[in-house]
């Protein structure tokens, strides 16, 4: 069954970027009743030792506004870099991943 137009326009890469960190950290709702958490806890509050850059990246992925979330390719590249695989692009900078995003979006 195809989703209604309102739901369809909200699907896609930004929705996927939002969904992945909920598996890593915690869902943005609680009590099973749809109550939205107003302030997401930093992942490092739940698991001390998470690097600051990864902490910031996860929070950006969980941004309520889909336009504030990083592009899915940048998330994959950042995670690969954090694991030492060395994937990069010439214009990829730490600001692109954890800054205001103006140089990427």
N, C-alpha and C. Protein backbone atom coordinates (compact mmCIF):
# COMPACT_ATOMS: atom_id res chain seq x y z
N UNK A 1 0.84 -1.16 0.00
CA UNK A 1 0.00 0.00 0.00
C UNK A 1 0.90 1.24 0.00
N UNK A 2 0.59 2.16 -0.85
CA UNK A 2 1.36 3.39 -0.97
C UNK A 2 0.95 4.37 0.13
N UNK A 3 1.94 5.07 0.75
CA UNK A 3 1.59 6.03 1.80
C UNK A 3 0.84 7.23 1.23
N UNK A 4 0.10 7.89 2.09
CA UNK A 4 -0.61 9.09 1.65
C UNK A 4 0.41 10.17 1.28
N UNK A 5 0.04 11.16 0.44
CA UNK A 5 1.00 12.18 -0.01
C UNK A 5 1.71 12.90 1.12
N UNK A 6 1.03 13.16 2.22
CA UNK A 6 1.65 13.85 3.35
C UNK A 6 2.80 13.03 3.93
N UNK A 7 2.60 11.73 4.02
CA UNK A 7 3.64 10.86 4.54
C UNK A 7 4.74 10.63 3.52
N UNK A 8 4.36 10.55 2.26
CA UNK A 8 5.34 10.28 1.21
C UNK A 8 6.37 11.40 1.11
N UNK A 9 5.95 12.66 1.24
CA UNK A 9 6.90 13.77 1.12
C UNK A 9 7.87 13.81 2.30
N UNK A 10 7.56 13.15 3.40
CA UNK A 10 8.44 13.13 4.56
C UNK A 10 9.38 11.93 4.55
N UNK A 11 9.21 11.03 3.59
CA UNK A 11 10.09 9.87 3.53
C UNK A 11 11.34 10.20 2.73
N UNK A 12 12.25 9.26 2.67
CA UNK A 12 13.47 9.47 1.90
C UNK A 12 14.70 9.53 2.78
N UNK A 13 15.79 10.01 2.20
CA UNK A 13 17.08 10.03 2.90
C UNK A 13 17.04 10.78 4.23
N UNK A 14 16.44 11.99 4.33
CA UNK A 14 16.42 12.65 5.63
C UNK A 14 15.71 11.83 6.72
N UNK A 15 14.67 11.11 6.33
CA UNK A 15 13.98 10.25 7.31
C UNK A 15 14.88 9.10 7.73
N UNK A 16 15.64 8.56 6.79
CA UNK A 16 16.57 7.47 7.11
C UNK A 16 17.69 7.96 8.02
N UNK A 17 18.19 9.17 7.76
CA UNK A 17 19.25 9.75 8.59
C UNK A 17 18.73 9.93 10.01
N UNK A 18 17.46 10.27 10.17
CA UNK A 18 16.86 10.42 11.49
C UNK A 18 16.68 9.06 12.17
N UNK A 19 16.26 8.07 11.42
CA UNK A 19 15.91 6.78 12.00
C UNK A 19 17.11 6.02 12.54
N UNK A 20 18.23 6.05 11.84
CA UNK A 20 19.39 5.25 12.25
C UNK A 20 19.85 5.54 13.68
N UNK A 21 20.05 6.81 14.08
CA UNK A 21 20.53 7.06 15.44
C UNK A 21 19.56 6.63 16.53
N UNK A 22 18.28 6.50 16.21
CA UNK A 22 17.36 6.04 17.25
C UNK A 22 17.68 4.62 17.65
N UNK A 23 18.30 3.87 16.76
CA UNK A 23 18.76 2.52 17.09
C UNK A 23 20.02 2.61 17.94
N UNK A 24 20.88 3.58 17.64
CA UNK A 24 22.14 3.75 18.38
C UNK A 24 21.91 4.30 19.77
N UNK A 25 20.95 5.20 19.92
CA UNK A 25 20.80 5.94 21.17
C UNK A 25 19.50 5.57 21.85
N UNK A 26 18.43 6.28 21.52
CA UNK A 26 17.11 6.01 22.09
C UNK A 26 16.08 6.65 21.19
N UNK A 27 14.90 6.11 21.20
CA UNK A 27 13.83 6.67 20.38
C UNK A 27 13.44 8.05 20.92
N UNK A 28 13.03 8.97 20.02
CA UNK A 28 12.67 10.31 20.47
C UNK A 28 11.27 10.40 21.07
N UNK A 29 10.68 9.27 21.42
CA UNK A 29 9.39 9.25 22.11
C UNK A 29 9.52 8.34 23.32
N UNK A 30 8.64 8.51 24.27
CA UNK A 30 8.71 7.65 25.45
C UNK A 30 7.33 7.17 25.87
N UNK A 31 7.31 6.16 26.66
CA UNK A 31 6.09 5.59 27.25
C UNK A 31 5.14 4.97 26.24
N UNK A 32 5.56 4.82 24.99
CA UNK A 32 4.71 4.19 24.00
C UNK A 32 3.46 4.97 23.63
N UNK A 33 3.33 6.20 24.15
CA UNK A 33 2.13 6.97 23.86
C UNK A 33 2.39 8.12 22.90
N UNK A 34 3.57 8.16 22.31
CA UNK A 34 3.88 9.20 21.34
C UNK A 34 4.35 10.51 21.94
N UNK A 35 4.57 10.54 23.25
CA UNK A 35 5.06 11.76 23.88
C UNK A 35 6.48 12.02 23.39
N UNK A 36 6.69 13.17 22.79
CA UNK A 36 7.99 13.50 22.21
C UNK A 36 8.92 14.01 23.29
N UNK A 37 10.15 13.51 23.26
CA UNK A 37 11.18 14.00 24.18
C UNK A 37 11.60 15.37 23.70
N UNK A 38 11.53 16.36 24.56
CA UNK A 38 11.84 17.73 24.13
C UNK A 38 13.33 17.98 24.04
N UNK A 39 14.12 17.33 24.86
CA UNK A 39 15.57 17.50 24.79
C UNK A 39 16.21 16.13 24.71
N UNK A 40 16.83 15.88 23.58
CA UNK A 40 17.54 14.62 23.43
C UNK A 40 18.79 14.65 24.29
N UNK A 41 19.01 13.57 25.00
CA UNK A 41 20.26 13.47 25.76
C UNK A 41 21.40 13.20 24.80
N UNK A 42 22.57 13.74 25.11
CA UNK A 42 23.75 13.46 24.30
C UNK A 42 24.04 11.96 24.41
N UNK A 43 24.42 11.33 23.33
CA UNK A 43 24.75 9.91 23.39
C UNK A 43 25.81 9.61 24.45
N UNK A 44 26.75 10.54 24.65
CA UNK A 44 27.80 10.32 25.65
C UNK A 44 27.25 10.31 27.07
N UNK A 45 26.05 10.86 27.28
CA UNK A 45 25.42 10.77 28.60
C UNK A 45 24.96 9.34 28.86
N UNK A 46 24.60 8.65 27.79
CA UNK A 46 24.13 7.27 27.92
C UNK A 46 25.28 6.27 27.86
N UNK A 47 26.32 6.64 27.12
CA UNK A 47 27.49 5.76 26.96
C UNK A 47 28.75 6.61 27.00
N UNK A 48 29.26 6.88 28.21
CA UNK A 48 30.47 7.70 28.33
C UNK A 48 31.60 7.13 27.47
N UNK A 49 32.38 8.03 26.91
CA UNK A 49 33.49 7.61 26.07
C UNK A 49 33.24 7.78 24.59
N UNK A 50 32.01 8.10 24.21
CA UNK A 50 31.74 8.37 22.79
C UNK A 50 32.47 9.65 22.42
N UNK A 51 33.23 9.64 21.33
CA UNK A 51 33.96 10.84 20.91
C UNK A 51 33.01 12.01 20.66
N UNK A 52 33.47 13.21 20.97
CA UNK A 52 32.64 14.41 20.85
C UNK A 52 32.09 14.59 19.43
N UNK A 53 32.93 14.37 18.42
CA UNK A 53 32.47 14.55 17.03
C UNK A 53 31.35 13.58 16.69
N UNK A 54 31.45 12.34 17.16
CA UNK A 54 30.39 11.37 16.91
C UNK A 54 29.14 11.76 17.69
N UNK A 55 29.31 12.21 18.90
CA UNK A 55 28.22 12.70 19.73
C UNK A 55 27.45 13.79 18.98
N UNK A 56 28.18 14.77 18.45
CA UNK A 56 27.56 15.88 17.72
C UNK A 56 26.88 15.41 16.44
N UNK A 57 27.52 14.49 15.73
CA UNK A 57 26.95 13.98 14.49
C UNK A 57 25.63 13.26 14.75
N UNK A 58 25.58 12.45 15.78
CA UNK A 58 24.34 11.73 16.11
C UNK A 58 23.23 12.71 16.43
N UNK A 59 23.53 13.75 17.19
CA UNK A 59 22.51 14.75 17.51
C UNK A 59 22.03 15.48 16.27
N UNK A 60 22.93 15.76 15.34
CA UNK A 60 22.50 16.40 14.09
C UNK A 60 21.60 15.47 13.29
N UNK A 61 21.87 14.19 13.32
CA UNK A 61 21.01 13.23 12.62
C UNK A 61 19.61 13.20 13.23
N UNK A 62 19.51 13.51 14.50
CA UNK A 62 18.23 13.48 15.20
C UNK A 62 17.51 14.83 15.19
N UNK A 63 17.99 15.78 14.40
CA UNK A 63 17.34 17.09 14.33
C UNK A 63 15.87 16.92 13.93
N UNK A 64 15.00 17.68 14.58
CA UNK A 64 13.57 17.59 14.28
C UNK A 64 13.27 18.03 12.86
N UNK A 65 13.95 19.08 12.41
CA UNK A 65 13.76 19.58 11.04
C UNK A 65 14.63 18.78 10.09
N UNK A 66 14.03 18.15 9.11
CA UNK A 66 14.78 17.31 8.18
C UNK A 66 15.85 18.07 7.43
N UNK A 67 15.66 19.37 7.21
CA UNK A 67 16.66 20.17 6.49
C UNK A 67 17.90 20.43 7.34
N UNK A 68 17.81 20.21 8.64
CA UNK A 68 18.96 20.40 9.54
C UNK A 68 19.80 19.13 9.67
N UNK A 69 19.32 18.02 9.12
CA UNK A 69 20.06 16.76 9.22
C UNK A 69 21.12 16.70 8.12
N UNK A 70 22.28 16.09 8.41
CA UNK A 70 23.31 15.95 7.38
C UNK A 70 22.86 14.97 6.30
N UNK A 71 23.43 15.13 5.13
CA UNK A 71 23.13 14.22 4.02
C UNK A 71 23.60 12.82 4.39
N UNK A 72 22.87 11.82 3.96
CA UNK A 72 23.20 10.44 4.34
C UNK A 72 24.60 10.02 3.90
N UNK A 73 25.07 10.51 2.76
CA UNK A 73 26.42 10.18 2.31
C UNK A 73 27.45 10.72 3.28
N UNK A 74 27.23 11.92 3.80
CA UNK A 74 28.16 12.51 4.75
C UNK A 74 28.20 11.73 6.06
N UNK A 75 27.06 11.19 6.46
CA UNK A 75 27.02 10.38 7.68
C UNK A 75 27.86 9.13 7.48
N UNK A 76 27.69 8.46 6.36
CA UNK A 76 28.47 7.25 6.08
C UNK A 76 29.96 7.58 6.04
N UNK A 77 30.31 8.68 5.37
CA UNK A 77 31.72 9.06 5.28
C UNK A 77 32.30 9.38 6.65
N UNK A 78 31.54 10.08 7.47
CA UNK A 78 32.02 10.43 8.81
C UNK A 78 32.24 9.18 9.65
N UNK A 79 31.32 8.25 9.56
CA UNK A 79 31.46 7.01 10.32
C UNK A 79 32.66 6.20 9.82
N UNK A 80 32.86 6.18 8.52
CA UNK A 80 34.01 5.46 7.96
C UNK A 80 35.31 6.11 8.43
N UNK A 81 35.35 7.45 8.43
CA UNK A 81 36.55 8.15 8.89
C UNK A 81 36.81 7.85 10.36
N UNK A 82 35.76 7.80 11.14
CA UNK A 82 35.94 7.55 12.57
C UNK A 82 36.46 6.14 12.83
N UNK A 83 36.24 5.25 11.88
CA UNK A 83 36.73 3.87 12.02
C UNK A 83 38.08 3.69 11.34
N UNK A 84 38.64 4.79 10.82
CA UNK A 84 39.97 4.72 10.25
C UNK A 84 40.05 4.19 8.83
N UNK A 85 38.94 4.21 8.12
CA UNK A 85 38.96 3.71 6.75
C UNK A 85 39.45 4.76 5.76
N UNK A 86 39.46 6.02 6.17
CA UNK A 86 40.03 7.07 5.35
C UNK A 86 39.20 7.54 4.18
N UNK A 87 37.93 7.19 4.09
CA UNK A 87 37.09 7.71 3.01
C UNK A 87 36.92 9.20 3.21
N UNK A 88 37.08 9.97 2.13
CA UNK A 88 36.91 11.42 2.27
C UNK A 88 36.64 12.03 0.91
N UNK A 89 36.20 13.28 0.94
CA UNK A 89 36.07 14.12 -0.24
C UNK A 89 36.88 15.36 0.02
N UNK A 90 37.33 16.01 -1.04
CA UNK A 90 38.17 17.19 -0.87
C UNK A 90 37.48 18.27 -0.06
N UNK A 91 36.19 18.44 -0.26
CA UNK A 91 35.49 19.52 0.43
C UNK A 91 34.87 19.09 1.76
N UNK A 92 35.16 17.87 2.21
CA UNK A 92 34.60 17.40 3.47
C UNK A 92 35.42 17.96 4.61
N UNK A 93 34.77 18.68 5.49
CA UNK A 93 35.45 19.26 6.63
C UNK A 93 34.67 18.92 7.88
N UNK A 94 35.28 19.15 9.03
CA UNK A 94 34.55 18.88 10.26
C UNK A 94 33.33 19.78 10.36
N UNK A 95 33.38 21.00 9.83
CA UNK A 95 32.20 21.87 9.86
C UNK A 95 31.06 21.30 9.04
N UNK A 96 31.38 20.59 7.97
CA UNK A 96 30.34 19.99 7.15
C UNK A 96 29.58 18.94 7.94
N UNK A 97 30.25 18.31 8.89
CA UNK A 97 29.62 17.23 9.64
C UNK A 97 29.02 17.70 10.95
N UNK A 98 29.69 18.62 11.62
CA UNK A 98 29.18 19.01 12.94
C UNK A 98 28.99 20.51 13.07
N UNK A 99 29.25 21.27 12.01
CA UNK A 99 29.08 22.71 12.07
C UNK A 99 27.69 23.10 11.64
N UNK A 100 27.60 24.28 11.02
CA UNK A 100 26.29 24.77 10.61
C UNK A 100 25.81 24.15 9.31
N UNK A 101 26.70 23.45 8.60
CA UNK A 101 26.30 22.74 7.39
C UNK A 101 26.19 23.59 6.15
N UNK A 102 26.47 24.89 6.24
CA UNK A 102 26.31 25.76 5.09
C UNK A 102 27.22 25.40 3.93
N UNK A 103 28.34 24.78 4.19
CA UNK A 103 29.26 24.46 3.10
C UNK A 103 28.91 23.14 2.42
N UNK A 104 27.87 22.46 2.87
CA UNK A 104 27.52 21.17 2.27
C UNK A 104 26.10 21.15 1.74
N UNK A 105 25.17 21.69 2.46
CA UNK A 105 23.76 21.56 2.09
C UNK A 105 23.40 22.40 0.91
